[in-house]
């Protein structure tokens, strides 16, 4: 989109035995509505079928999303901070490992930056 800047940092971590986790932090720049770049943002609730279980809900004021494969595929855990930052972990590991990858980051520090660099 013209004139709108989005920043993204990505990294992949592996154990050398075939298990890996991709970690991604997206900064929407505080532009209203851009947090909706994630397809699940704004849709709270649950979905369950024979392929996956998915849940999006507010936890402690933050939007939290998790998608768990029932077929051994990729799982995903994500959280929105300060209505600006999307922190997501994805990989063929269990959901607790993904949740830990996200929650072990300094989320309060990142969330405290929600007004940094935002034009008023």
PDB file of N, CA and C in Angstrom:
ATOM      1  N   UNK A   1       0.845  -1.174   0.000  1.00  0.00           N
ATOM      2  CA  UNK A   1       0.000   0.000   0.000  1.00  0.00           C
ATOM      3  C   UNK A   1       0.895   1.245   0.000  1.00  0.00           C
ATOM      4  N   UNK A   2       0.580   2.173  -0.819  1.00  0.00           N
ATOM      5  CA  UNK A   2       1.396   3.374  -0.973  1.00  0.00           C
ATOM      6  C   UNK A   2       1.431   4.185   0.310  1.00  0.00           C
ATOM      7  N   UNK A   3       2.641   4.569   0.721  1.00  0.00           N
ATOM      8  CA  UNK A   3       2.813   5.435   1.870  1.00  0.00           C
ATOM      9  C   UNK A   3       2.685   4.758   3.220  1.00  0.00           C
ATOM     10  N   UNK A   4       2.444   3.473   3.246  1.00  0.00           N
ATOM     11  CA  UNK A   4       2.301   2.757   4.512  1.00  0.00           C
ATOM     12  C   UNK A   4       3.473   1.793   4.639  1.00  0.00           C
ATOM     13  N   UNK A   5       4.145   1.892   5.772  1.00  0.00           N
ATOM     14  CA  UNK A   5       5.301   1.032   5.993  1.00  0.00           C
ATOM     15  C   UNK A   5       4.986  -0.029   7.029  1.00  0.00           C
ATOM     16  N   UNK A   6       5.367  -1.241   6.719  1.00  0.00           N
ATOM     17  CA  UNK A   6       5.223  -2.365   7.627  1.00  0.00           C
ATOM     18  C   UNK A   6       6.605  -2.993   7.751  1.00  0.00           C
ATOM     19  N   UNK A   7       7.011  -3.299   8.962  1.00  0.00           N
ATOM     20  CA  UNK A   7       8.306  -3.941   9.180  1.00  0.00           C
ATOM     21  C   UNK A   7       8.071  -5.353   9.701  1.00  0.00           C
ATOM     22  N   UNK A   8       8.938  -6.266   9.276  1.00  0.00           N
ATOM     23  CA  UNK A   8       8.808  -7.649   9.714  1.00  0.00           C
ATOM     24  C   UNK A   8      10.196  -8.227   9.975  1.00  0.00           C
ATOM     25  N   UNK A   9      10.332  -8.912  11.097  1.00  0.00           N
ATOM     26  CA  UNK A   9      11.557  -9.631  11.425  1.00  0.00           C
ATOM     27  C   UNK A   9      11.196 -11.107  11.509  1.00  0.00           C
ATOM     28  N   UNK A  10      12.012 -11.948  10.889  1.00  0.00           N
ATOM     29  CA  UNK A  10      11.744 -13.379  10.865  1.00  0.00           C
ATOM     30  C   UNK A  10      13.012 -14.151  11.200  1.00  0.00           C
ATOM     31  N   UNK A  11      12.838 -15.274  11.881  1.00  0.00           N
ATOM     32  CA  UNK A  11      13.949 -16.163  12.176  1.00  0.00           C
ATOM     33  C   UNK A  11      13.407 -17.587  12.258  1.00  0.00           C
ATOM     34  N   UNK A  12      14.255 -18.551  11.935  1.00  0.00           N
ATOM     35  CA  UNK A  12      13.882 -19.954  12.055  1.00  0.00           C
ATOM     36  C   UNK A  12      14.904 -20.641  12.939  1.00  0.00           C
ATOM     37  N   UNK A  13      14.402 -21.405  13.898  1.00  0.00           N
ATOM     38  CA  UNK A  13      15.246 -22.127  14.841  1.00  0.00           C
ATOM     39  C   UNK A  13      14.959 -23.613  14.699  1.00  0.00           C
ATOM     40  N   UNK A  14      16.020 -24.434  14.717  1.00  0.00           N
ATOM     41  CA  UNK A  14      15.839 -25.868  14.586  1.00  0.00           C
ATOM     42  C   UNK A  14      16.715 -26.627  15.556  1.00  0.00           C
ATOM     43  N   UNK A  15      16.374 -27.901  15.738  1.00  0.00           N
ATOM     44  CA  UNK A  15      17.135 -28.745  16.652  1.00  0.00           C
ATOM     45  C   UNK A  15      18.119 -29.650  15.916  1.00  0.00           C
ATOM     46  N   UNK A  16      18.203 -29.528  14.603  1.00  0.00           N
ATOM     47  CA  UNK A  16      19.104 -30.366  13.829  1.00  0.00           C
ATOM     48  C   UNK A  16      18.553 -31.754  13.544  1.00  0.00           C
ATOM     49  N   UNK A  17      17.415 -32.065  14.129  1.00  0.00           N
ATOM     50  CA  UNK A  17      16.802 -33.381  13.937  1.00  0.00           C
ATOM     51  C   UNK A  17      15.491 -33.269  13.159  1.00  0.00           C
ATOM     52  N   UNK A  18      15.327 -32.170  12.448  1.00  0.00           N
ATOM     53  CA  UNK A  18      14.135 -32.018  11.626  1.00  0.00           C
ATOM     54  C   UNK A  18      13.030 -31.172  12.222  1.00  0.00           C
ATOM     55  N   UNK A  19      13.119 -30.833  13.491  1.00  0.00           N
ATOM     56  CA  UNK A  19      12.104 -29.980  14.120  1.00  0.00           C
ATOM     57  C   UNK A  19      12.554 -28.533  14.007  1.00  0.00           C
ATOM     58  N   UNK A  20      11.635 -27.654  13.599  1.00  0.00           N
ATOM     59  CA  UNK A  20      11.979 -26.239  13.513  1.00  0.00           C
ATOM     60  C   UNK A  20      10.783 -25.367  13.860  1.00  0.00           C
ATOM     61  N   UNK A  21      11.098 -24.149  14.282  1.00  0.00           N
ATOM     62  CA  UNK A  21      10.088 -23.152  14.618  1.00  0.00           C
ATOM     63  C   UNK A  21      10.453 -21.865  13.902  1.00  0.00           C
ATOM     64  N   UNK A  22       9.478 -21.290  13.215  1.00  0.00           N
ATOM     65  CA  UNK A  22       9.657 -19.979  12.594  1.00  0.00           C
ATOM     66  C   UNK A  22       9.021 -18.955  13.515  1.00  0.00           C
ATOM     67  N   UNK A  23       9.779 -17.923  13.835  1.00  0.00           N
ATOM     68  CA  UNK A  23       9.303 -16.852  14.699  1.00  0.00           C
ATOM     69  C   UNK A  23       9.267 -15.581  13.871  1.00  0.00           C
ATOM     70  N   UNK A  24       8.154 -14.851  13.973  1.00  0.00           N
ATOM     71  CA  UNK A  24       7.942 -13.661  13.147  1.00  0.00           C
ATOM     72  C   UNK A  24       7.345 -12.547  14.001  1.00  0.00           C
ATOM     73  N   UNK A  25       7.901 -11.348  13.873  1.00  0.00           N
ATOM     74  CA  UNK A  25       7.338 -10.175  14.532  1.00  0.00           C
ATOM     75  C   UNK A  25       7.028  -9.163  13.438  1.00  0.00           C
ATOM     76  N   UNK A  26       5.768  -8.759  13.349  1.00  0.00           N
ATOM     77  CA  UNK A  26       5.333  -7.792  12.355  1.00  0.00           C
ATOM     78  C   UNK A  26       4.925  -6.511  13.062  1.00  0.00           C
ATOM     79  N   UNK A  27       5.463  -5.395  12.599  1.00  0.00           N
ATOM     80  CA  UNK A  27       5.106  -4.079  13.117  1.00  0.00           C
ATOM     81  C   UNK A  27       4.264  -3.394  12.056  1.00  0.00           C
ATOM     82  N   UNK A  28       2.998  -3.183  12.362  1.00  0.00           N
ATOM     83  CA  UNK A  28       2.092  -2.547  11.410  1.00  0.00           C
ATOM     84  C   UNK A  28       2.235  -1.032  11.412  1.00  0.00           C
ATOM     85  N   UNK A  29       3.139  -0.510  12.244  1.00  0.00           N
ATOM     86  CA  UNK A  29       3.395   0.921  12.278  1.00  0.00           C
ATOM     87  C   UNK A  29       2.309   1.727  12.948  1.00  0.00           C
ATOM     88  N   UNK A  30       1.373   1.063  13.583  1.00  0.00           N
ATOM     89  CA  UNK A  30       0.316   1.766  14.274  1.00  0.00           C
ATOM     90  C   UNK A  30      -0.782   2.280  13.362  1.00  0.00           C
ATOM     91  N   UNK A  31      -0.703   1.945  12.071  1.00  0.00           N
ATOM     92  CA  UNK A  31      -1.745   2.384  11.145  1.00  0.00           C
ATOM     93  C   UNK A  31      -3.046   1.658  11.473  1.00  0.00           C
ATOM     94  N   UNK A  32      -4.064   2.410  11.707  1.00  0.00           N
ATOM     95  CA  UNK A  32      -5.358   1.850  12.080  1.00  0.00           C
ATOM     96  C   UNK A  32      -5.822   0.819  11.067  1.00  0.00           C
ATOM     97  N   UNK A  33      -6.185  -0.343  11.585  1.00  0.00           N
ATOM     98  CA  UNK A  33      -6.730  -1.379  10.722  1.00  0.00           C
ATOM     99  C   UNK A  33      -5.700  -2.323  10.130  1.00  0.00           C
ATOM    100  N   UNK A  34      -4.414  -1.977  10.161  1.00  0.00           N
ATOM    101  CA  UNK A  34      -3.428  -2.841   9.538  1.00  0.00           C
ATOM    102  C   UNK A  34      -3.141  -4.098  10.337  1.00  0.00           C
ATOM    103  N   UNK A  35      -3.487  -4.108  11.607  1.00  0.00           N
ATOM    104  CA  UNK A  35      -3.311  -5.329  12.382  1.00  0.00           C
ATOM    105  C   UNK A  35      -4.123  -6.442  11.734  1.00  0.00           C
ATOM    106  N   UNK A  36      -5.138  -6.098  11.002  1.00  0.00           N
ATOM    107  CA  UNK A  36      -5.969  -7.077  10.313  1.00  0.00           C
ATOM    108  C   UNK A  36      -5.253  -7.826   9.210  1.00  0.00           C
ATOM    109  N   UNK A  37      -3.969  -7.578   9.007  1.00  0.00           N
ATOM    110  CA  UNK A  37      -3.203  -8.328   8.014  1.00  0.00           C
ATOM    111  C   UNK A  37      -3.231  -9.819   8.303  1.00  0.00           C
ATOM    112  N   UNK A  38      -3.314 -10.178   9.559  1.00  0.00           N
ATOM    113  CA  UNK A  38      -3.451 -11.585   9.899  1.00  0.00           C
ATOM    114  C   UNK A  38      -4.905 -11.970   9.642  1.00  0.00           C
ATOM    115  N   UNK A  39      -5.116 -13.065   8.955  1.00  0.00           N
ATOM    116  CA  UNK A  39      -6.468 -13.448   8.549  1.00  0.00           C
ATOM    117  C   UNK A  39      -7.398 -13.700   9.727  1.00  0.00           C
ATOM    118  N   UNK A  40      -6.865 -13.999  10.898  1.00  0.00           N
ATOM    119  CA  UNK A  40      -7.675 -14.340  12.051  1.00  0.00           C
ATOM    120  C   UNK A  40      -7.995 -13.154  12.946  1.00  0.00           C
ATOM    121  N   UNK A  41      -7.343 -12.013  12.752  1.00  0.00           N
ATOM    122  CA  UNK A  41      -7.571 -10.858  13.618  1.00  0.00           C
ATOM    123  C   UNK A  41      -9.002 -10.367  13.463  1.00  0.00           C
ATOM    124  N   UNK A  42      -9.636 -10.086  14.573  1.00  0.00           N
ATOM    125  CA  UNK A  42     -10.994  -9.559  14.548  1.00  0.00           C
ATOM    126  C   UNK A  42     -12.063 -10.640  14.579  1.00  0.00           C
ATOM    127  N   UNK A  43     -11.638 -11.893  14.490  1.00  0.00           N
ATOM    128  CA  UNK A  43     -12.588 -12.996  14.515  1.00  0.00           C
ATOM    129  C   UNK A  43     -12.309 -13.815  15.769  1.00  0.00           C
ATOM    130  N   UNK A  44     -13.035 -13.531  16.821  1.00  0.00           N
ATOM    131  CA  UNK A  44     -12.871 -14.294  18.042  1.00  0.00           C
ATOM    132  C   UNK A  44     -13.811 -15.484  18.003  1.00  0.00           C
ATOM    133  N   UNK A  45     -13.338 -16.606  18.495  1.00  0.00           N
ATOM    134  CA  UNK A  45     -14.162 -17.797  18.538  1.00  0.00           C
ATOM    135  C   UNK A  45     -13.329 -19.033  18.295  1.00  0.00           C
ATOM    136  N   UNK A  46     -14.025 -20.130  18.053  1.00  0.00           N
ATOM    137  CA  UNK A  46     -13.366 -21.412  17.857  1.00  0.00           C
ATOM    138  C   UNK A  46     -13.862 -22.072  16.580  1.00  0.00           C
ATOM    139  N   UNK A  47     -12.979 -22.855  16.006  1.00  0.00           N
ATOM    140  CA  UNK A  47     -13.325 -23.654  14.834  1.00  0.00           C
ATOM    141  C   UNK A  47     -12.645 -25.000  15.009  1.00  0.00           C
ATOM    142  N   UNK A  48     -13.366 -26.048  14.713  1.00  0.00           N
ATOM    143  CA  UNK A  48     -12.826 -27.392  14.889  1.00  0.00           C
ATOM    144  C   UNK A  48     -13.347 -28.275  13.767  1.00  0.00           C
ATOM    145  N   UNK A  49     -12.438 -28.971  13.099  1.00  0.00           N
ATOM    146  CA  UNK A  49     -12.842 -29.934  12.081  1.00  0.00           C
ATOM    147  C   UNK A  49     -11.877 -31.109  12.120  1.00  0.00           C
ATOM    148  N   UNK A  50     -11.882 -31.970  11.131  1.00  0.00           N
ATOM    149  CA  UNK A  50     -11.032 -33.156  11.159  1.00  0.00           C
ATOM    150  C   UNK A  50      -9.565 -32.844  10.851  1.00  0.00           C
ATOM    151  N   UNK A  51      -9.255 -31.634  10.386  1.00  0.00           N
ATOM    152  CA  UNK A  51      -7.872 -31.262  10.051  1.00  0.00           C
ATOM    153  C   UNK A  51      -7.198 -30.408  11.112  1.00  0.00           C
ATOM    154  N   UNK A  52      -7.961 -29.528  11.784  1.00  0.00           N
ATOM    155  CA  UNK A  52      -7.355 -28.623  12.758  1.00  0.00           C
ATOM    156  C   UNK A  52      -8.365 -28.131  13.774  1.00  0.00           C
ATOM    157  N   UNK A  53      -7.813 -27.584  14.852  1.00  0.00           N
ATOM    158  CA  UNK A  53      -8.587 -26.904  15.880  1.00  0.00           C
ATOM    159  C   UNK A  53      -8.011 -25.496  15.968  1.00  0.00           C
ATOM    160  N   UNK A  54      -8.881 -24.499  15.959  1.00  0.00           N
ATOM    161  CA  UNK A  54      -8.427 -23.111  15.930  1.00  0.00           C
ATOM    162  C   UNK A  54      -9.219 -22.304  16.949  1.00  0.00           C
ATOM    163  N   UNK A  55      -8.503 -21.418  17.668  1.00  0.00           N
ATOM    164  CA  UNK A  55      -9.169 -20.582  18.665  1.00  0.00           C
ATOM    165  C   UNK A  55      -8.534 -19.196  18.653  1.00  0.00           C
ATOM    166  N   UNK A  56      -9.379 -18.170  18.680  1.00  0.00           N
ATOM    167  CA  UNK A  56      -8.936 -16.782  18.787  1.00  0.00           C
ATOM    168  C   UNK A  56      -9.739 -16.140  19.905  1.00  0.00           C
ATOM    169  N   UNK A  57      -9.037 -15.535  20.856  1.00  0.00           N
ATOM    170  CA  UNK A  57      -9.707 -14.950  22.015  1.00  0.00           C
ATOM    171  C   UNK A  57      -8.856 -13.829  22.602  1.00  0.00           C
ATOM    172  N   UNK A  58      -9.473 -13.019  23.453  1.00  0.00           N
ATOM    173  CA  UNK A  58      -8.746 -11.982  24.183  1.00  0.00           C
ATOM    174  C   UNK A  58      -8.307 -12.571  25.513  1.00  0.00           C
ATOM    175  N   UNK A  59      -7.012 -12.416  25.791  1.00  0.00           N
ATOM    176  CA  UNK A  59      -6.439 -12.872  27.047  1.00  0.00           C
ATOM    177  C   UNK A  59      -5.656 -11.704  27.624  1.00  0.00           C
ATOM    178  N   UNK A  60      -6.057 -11.238  28.808  1.00  0.00           N
ATOM    179  CA  UNK A  60      -5.409 -10.082  29.445  1.00  0.00           C
ATOM    180  C   UNK A  60      -5.341  -8.881  28.501  1.00  0.00           C
ATOM    181  N   UNK A  61      -6.399  -8.656  27.740  1.00  0.00           N
ATOM    182  CA  UNK A  61      -6.487  -7.508  26.841  1.00  0.00           C
ATOM    183  C   UNK A  61      -5.783  -7.689  25.511  1.00  0.00           C
ATOM    184  N   UNK A  62      -5.118  -8.807  25.325  1.00  0.00           N
ATOM    185  CA  UNK A  62      -4.401  -9.076  24.073  1.00  0.00           C
ATOM    186  C   UNK A  62      -5.147 -10.123  23.257  1.00  0.00           C
ATOM    187  N   UNK A  63      -5.138  -9.950  21.951  1.00  0.00           N
ATOM    188  CA  UNK A  63      -5.740 -10.934  21.060  1.00  0.00           C
ATOM    189  C   UNK A  63      -4.750 -12.084  20.881  1.00  0.00           C
ATOM    190  N   UNK A  64      -5.205 -13.305  21.163  1.00  0.00           N
ATOM    191  CA  UNK A  64      -4.358 -14.497  21.091  1.00  0.00           C
ATOM    192  C   UNK A  64      -5.002 -15.492  20.132  1.00  0.00           C
ATOM    193  N   UNK A  65      -4.174 -16.076  19.277  1.00  0.00           N
ATOM    194  CA  UNK A  65      -4.653 -17.032  18.274  1.00  0.00           C
ATOM    195  C   UNK A  65      -3.806 -18.291  18.334  1.00  0.00           C
ATOM    196  N   UNK A  66      -4.474 -19.440  18.255  1.00  0.00           N
ATOM    197  CA  UNK A  66      -3.735 -20.689  18.105  1.00  0.00           C
ATOM    198  C   UNK A  66      -4.465 -21.613  17.148  1.00  0.00           C
ATOM    199  N   UNK A  67      -3.667 -22.301  16.353  1.00  0.00           N
ATOM    200  CA  UNK A  67      -4.190 -23.261  15.382  1.00  0.00           C
ATOM    201  C   UNK A  67      -3.366 -24.527  15.529  1.00  0.00           C
ATOM    202  N   UNK A  68      -4.058 -25.627  15.833  1.00  0.00           N
ATOM    203  CA  UNK A  68      -3.391 -26.895  16.088  1.00  0.00           C
ATOM    204  C   UNK A  68      -3.829 -27.907  15.039  1.00  0.00           C
ATOM    205  N   UNK A  69      -2.858 -28.476  14.347  1.00  0.00           N
ATOM    206  CA  UNK A  69      -3.126 -29.483  13.332  1.00  0.00           C
ATOM    207  C   UNK A  69      -3.493 -30.807  13.993  1.00  0.00           C
ATOM    208  N   UNK A  70      -4.472 -31.492  13.444  1.00  0.00           N
ATOM    209  CA  UNK A  70      -4.847 -32.819  13.924  1.00  0.00           C
ATOM    210  C   UNK A  70      -4.234 -33.905  13.045  1.00  0.00           C
ATOM    211  N   UNK A  71      -3.503 -33.499  12.016  1.00  0.00           N
ATOM    212  CA  UNK A  71      -2.934 -34.453  11.067  1.00  0.00           C
ATOM    213  C   UNK A  71      -1.409 -34.466  11.098  1.00  0.00           C
ATOM    214  N   UNK A  72      -0.824 -33.836  12.118  1.00  0.00           N
ATOM    215  CA  UNK A  72       0.623 -33.812  12.229  1.00  0.00           C
ATOM    216  C   UNK A  72       1.288 -32.706  11.431  1.00  0.00           C
ATOM    217  N   UNK A  73       0.518 -31.775  10.942  1.00  0.00           N
ATOM    218  CA  UNK A  73       1.063 -30.669  10.172  1.00  0.00           C
ATOM    219  C   UNK A  73       1.557 -29.547  11.066  1.00  0.00           C
ATOM    220  N   UNK A  74       1.665 -28.384  10.494  1.00  0.00           N
ATOM    221  CA  UNK A  74       2.189 -27.207  11.184  1.00  0.00           C
ATOM    222  C   UNK A  74       1.164 -26.632  12.160  1.00  0.00           C
ATOM    223  N   UNK A  75       1.641 -26.225  13.325  1.00  0.00           N
ATOM    224  CA  UNK A  75       0.828 -25.543  14.328  1.00  0.00           C
ATOM    225  C   UNK A  75       1.242 -24.077  14.371  1.00  0.00           C
ATOM    226  N   UNK A  76       0.379 -23.235  14.970  1.00  0.00           N
ATOM    227  CA  UNK A  76       0.648 -21.798  15.006  1.00  0.00           C
ATOM    228  C   UNK A  76       0.141 -21.202  16.309  1.00  0.00           C
ATOM    229  N   UNK A  77       0.936 -20.278  16.882  1.00  0.00           N
ATOM    230  CA  UNK A  77       0.529 -19.505  18.049  1.00  0.00           C
ATOM    231  C   UNK A  77       0.917 -18.063  17.790  1.00  0.00           C
ATOM    232  N   UNK A  78      -0.020 -17.136  18.005  1.00  0.00           N
ATOM    233  CA  UNK A  78       0.250 -15.725  17.738  1.00  0.00           C
ATOM    234  C   UNK A  78      -0.447 -14.846  18.764  1.00  0.00           C
ATOM    235  N   UNK A  79       0.102 -13.651  18.933  1.00  0.00           N
ATOM    236  CA  UNK A  79      -0.462 -12.686  19.868  1.00  0.00           C
ATOM    237  C   UNK A  79      -0.311 -11.289  19.274  1.00  0.00           C
ATOM    238  N   UNK A  80      -1.315 -10.430  19.513  1.00  0.00           N
ATOM    239  CA  UNK A  80      -1.254  -9.036  19.056  1.00  0.00           C
ATOM    240  C   UNK A  80      -0.976  -8.169  20.270  1.00  0.00           C
ATOM    241  N   UNK A  81       0.055  -7.325  20.154  1.00  0.00           N
ATOM    242  CA  UNK A  81       0.465  -6.446  21.249  1.00  0.00           C
ATOM    243  C   UNK A  81       0.204  -4.998  20.897  1.00  0.00           C
ATOM    244  N   UNK A  82      -0.428  -4.279  21.797  1.00  0.00           N
ATOM    245  CA  UNK A  82      -0.641  -2.848  21.628  1.00  0.00           C
ATOM    246  C   UNK A  82      -1.399  -2.494  20.357  1.00  0.00           C
ATOM    247  N   UNK A  83      -2.206  -3.422  19.861  1.00  0.00           N
ATOM    248  CA  UNK A  83      -2.964  -3.219  18.610  1.00  0.00           C
ATOM    249  C   UNK A  83      -2.041  -2.821  17.457  1.00  0.00           C
ATOM    250  N   UNK A  84      -0.763  -3.225  17.566  1.00  0.00           N
ATOM    251  CA  UNK A  84       0.222  -2.831  16.557  1.00  0.00           C
ATOM    252  C   UNK A  84       1.129  -3.975  16.114  1.00  0.00           C
ATOM    253  N   UNK A  85       1.639  -4.733  17.066  1.00  0.00           N
ATOM    254  CA  UNK A  85       2.624  -5.770  16.780  1.00  0.00           C
ATOM    255  C   UNK A  85       1.969  -7.149  16.760  1.00  0.00           C
ATOM    256  N   UNK A  86       2.313  -7.962  15.771  1.00  0.00           N
ATOM    257  CA  UNK A  86       1.865  -9.348  15.716  1.00  0.00           C
ATOM    258  C   UNK A  86       3.100 -10.218  15.901  1.00  0.00           C
ATOM    259  N   UNK A  87       3.088 -11.038  16.949  1.00  0.00           N
ATOM    260  CA  UNK A  87       4.195 -11.947  17.231  1.00  0.00           C
ATOM    261  C   UNK A  87       3.666 -13.357  17.011  1.00  0.00           C
ATOM    262  N   UNK A  88       4.312 -14.106  16.093  1.00  0.00           N
ATOM    263  CA  UNK A  88       3.792 -15.417  15.702  1.00  0.00           C
ATOM    264  C   UNK A  88       4.912 -16.450  15.662  1.00  0.00           C
ATOM    265  N   UNK A  89       4.599 -17.645  16.158  1.00  0.00           N
ATOM    266  CA  UNK A  89       5.491 -18.800  16.046  1.00  0.00           C
ATOM    267  C   UNK A  89       4.731 -19.884  15.300  1.00  0.00           C
ATOM    268  N   UNK A  90       5.425 -20.555  14.392  1.00  0.00           N
ATOM    269  CA  UNK A  90       4.790 -21.584  13.580  1.00  0.00           C
ATOM    270  C   UNK A  90       5.786 -22.711  13.345  1.00  0.00           C
ATOM    271  N   UNK A  91       5.305 -23.949  13.371  1.00  0.00           N
ATOM    272  CA  UNK A  91       6.185 -25.076  13.092  1.00  0.00           C
ATOM    273  C   UNK A  91       5.528 -26.406  13.374  1.00  0.00           C
ATOM    274  N   UNK A  92       6.223 -27.458  13.021  1.00  0.00           N
ATOM    275  CA  UNK A  92       5.728 -28.812  13.237  1.00  0.00           C
ATOM    276  C   UNK A  92       6.190 -29.332  14.586  1.00  0.00           C
ATOM    277  N   UNK A  93       5.899 -28.533  15.614  1.00  0.00           N
ATOM    278  CA  UNK A  93       6.155 -28.883  17.010  1.00  0.00           C
ATOM    279  C   UNK A  93       4.850 -28.667  17.765  1.00  0.00           C
ATOM    280  N   UNK A  94       4.787 -29.121  19.017  1.00  0.00           N
ATOM    281  CA  UNK A  94       3.538 -28.987  19.774  1.00  0.00           C
ATOM    282  C   UNK A  94       3.246 -27.523  20.100  1.00  0.00           C
ATOM    283  N   UNK A  95       1.989 -27.239  20.373  1.00  0.00           N
ATOM    284  CA  UNK A  95       1.521 -25.871  20.603  1.00  0.00           C
ATOM    285  C   UNK A  95       2.174 -25.256  21.845  1.00  0.00           C
ATOM    286  N   UNK A  96       2.503 -26.053  22.850  1.00  0.00           N
ATOM    287  CA  UNK A  96       3.155 -25.515  24.041  1.00  0.00           C
ATOM    288  C   UNK A  96       4.551 -24.988  23.724  1.00  0.00           C
ATOM    289  N   UNK A  97       5.257 -25.645  22.823  1.00  0.00           N
ATOM    290  CA  UNK A  97       6.575 -25.169  22.399  1.00  0.00           C
ATOM    291  C   UNK A  97       6.444 -23.838  21.682  1.00  0.00           C
ATOM    292  N   UNK A  98       5.435 -23.720  20.825  1.00  0.00           N
ATOM    293  CA  UNK A  98       5.207 -22.470  20.103  1.00  0.00           C
ATOM    294  C   UNK A  98       4.799 -21.355  21.060  1.00  0.00           C
ATOM    295  N   UNK A  99       3.905 -21.660  21.974  1.00  0.00           N
ATOM    296  CA  UNK A  99       3.473 -20.670  22.967  1.00  0.00           C
ATOM    297  C   UNK A  99       4.684 -20.186  23.772  1.00  0.00           C
ATOM    298  N   UNK A 100       5.551 -21.105  24.168  1.00  0.00           N
ATOM    299  CA  UNK A 100       6.745 -20.752  24.915  1.00  0.00           C
ATOM    300  C   UNK A 100       7.693 -19.871  24.108  1.00  0.00           C
ATOM    301  N   UNK A 101       7.815 -20.165  22.814  1.00  0.00           N
ATOM    302  CA  UNK A 101       8.689 -19.355  21.947  1.00  0.00           C
ATOM    303  C   UNK A 101       8.220 -17.906  21.915  1.00  0.00           C
ATOM    304  N   UNK A 102       6.915 -17.697  21.939  1.00  0.00           N
ATOM    305  CA  UNK A 102       6.365 -16.335  21.907  1.00  0.00           C
ATOM    306  C   UNK A 102       6.404 -15.700  23.296  1.00  0.00           C
ATOM    307  N   UNK A 103       5.920 -16.399  24.297  1.00  0.00           N
ATOM    308  CA  UNK A 103       5.789 -15.782  25.623  1.00  0.00           C
ATOM    309  C   UNK A 103       7.120 -15.613  26.338  1.00  0.00           C
ATOM    310  N   UNK A 104       8.171 -16.290  25.891  1.00  0.00           N
ATOM    311  CA  UNK A 104       9.490 -16.094  26.494  1.00  0.00           C
ATOM    312  C   UNK A 104      10.197 -14.856  25.956  1.00  0.00           C
ATOM    313  N   UNK A 105       9.612 -14.209  24.959  1.00  0.00           N
ATOM    314  CA  UNK A 105      10.138 -12.928  24.487  1.00  0.00           C
ATOM    315  C   UNK A 105       9.736 -11.845  25.485  1.00  0.00           C
ATOM    316  N   UNK A 106      10.366 -10.699  25.421  1.00  0.00           N
ATOM    317  CA  UNK A 106      10.030  -9.591  26.318  1.00  0.00           C
ATOM    318  C   UNK A 106       8.820  -8.842  25.740  1.00  0.00           C
ATOM    319  N   UNK A 107       7.647  -9.472  25.836  1.00  0.00           N
ATOM    320  CA  UNK A 107       6.425  -8.909  25.257  1.00  0.00           C
ATOM    321  C   UNK A 107       6.047  -7.562  25.872  1.00  0.00           C
ATOM    322  N   UNK A 108       6.156  -7.371  27.195  1.00  0.00           N
ATOM    323  CA  UNK A 108       5.814  -6.054  27.746  1.00  0.00           C
ATOM    324  C   UNK A 108       6.685  -4.932  27.172  1.00  0.00           C
ATOM    325  N   UNK A 109       7.951  -5.220  26.944  1.00  0.00           N
ATOM    326  CA  UNK A 109       8.841  -4.199  26.381  1.00  0.00           C
ATOM    327  C   UNK A 109       8.424  -3.844  24.952  1.00  0.00           C
ATOM    328  N   UNK A 110       8.108  -4.845  24.155  1.00  0.00           N
ATOM    329  CA  UNK A 110       7.645  -4.592  22.793  1.00  0.00           C
ATOM    330  C   UNK A 110       6.320  -3.837  22.808  1.00  0.00           C
ATOM    331  N   UNK A 111       5.407  -4.254  23.655  1.00  0.00           N
ATOM    332  CA  UNK A 111       4.104  -3.608  23.753  1.00  0.00           C
ATOM    333  C   UNK A 111       4.236  -2.145  24.183  1.00  0.00           C
ATOM    334  N   UNK A 112       5.221  -1.845  25.033  1.00  0.00           N
ATOM    335  CA  UNK A 112       5.447  -0.478  25.493  1.00  0.00           C
ATOM    336  C   UNK A 112       5.888   0.436  24.353  1.00  0.00           C
ATOM    337  N   UNK A 113       6.316  -0.135  23.246  1.00  0.00           N
ATOM    338  CA  UNK A 113       6.766   0.656  22.095  1.00  0.00           C
ATOM    339  C   UNK A 113       5.625   0.989  21.129  1.00  0.00           C
ATOM    340  N   UNK A 114       4.399   0.721  21.506  1.00  0.00           N
ATOM    341  CA  UNK A 114       3.279   0.868  20.582  1.00  0.00           C
ATOM    342  C   UNK A 114       3.108   2.284  20.035  1.00  0.00           C
ATOM    343  N   UNK A 115       3.577   3.296  20.753  1.00  0.00           N
ATOM    344  CA  UNK A 115       3.436   4.682  20.269  1.00  0.00           C
ATOM    345  C   UNK A 115       4.707   5.221  19.643  1.00  0.00           C
ATOM    346  N   UNK A 116       5.783   4.451  19.674  1.00  0.00           N
ATOM    347  CA  UNK A 116       7.076   4.907  19.135  1.00  0.00           C
ATOM    348  C   UNK A 116       6.999   4.982  17.615  1.00  0.00           C
ATOM    349  N   UNK A 117       7.348   6.151  17.082  1.00  0.00           N
ATOM    350  CA  UNK A 117       7.400   6.311  15.637  1.00  0.00           C
ATOM    351  C   UNK A 117       6.053   6.478  14.954  1.00  0.00           C
ATOM    352  N   UNK A 118       5.007   6.622  15.744  1.00  0.00           N
ATOM    353  CA  UNK A 118       3.662   6.777  15.174  1.00  0.00           C
ATOM    354  C   UNK A 118       3.378   8.258  14.990  1.00  0.00           C
ATOM    355  N   UNK A 119       3.004   8.640  13.777  1.00  0.00           N
ATOM    356  CA  UNK A 119       2.635  10.038  13.510  1.00  0.00           C
ATOM    357  C   UNK A 119       1.307  10.335  14.160  1.00  0.00           C
ATOM    358  N   UNK A 120       1.230  11.468  14.786  1.00  0.00           N
ATOM    359  CA  UNK A 120      -0.012  11.845  15.477  1.00  0.00           C
ATOM    360  C   UNK A 120      -0.836  12.775  14.649  1.00  0.00           C
TER     361      UNK A 120
END
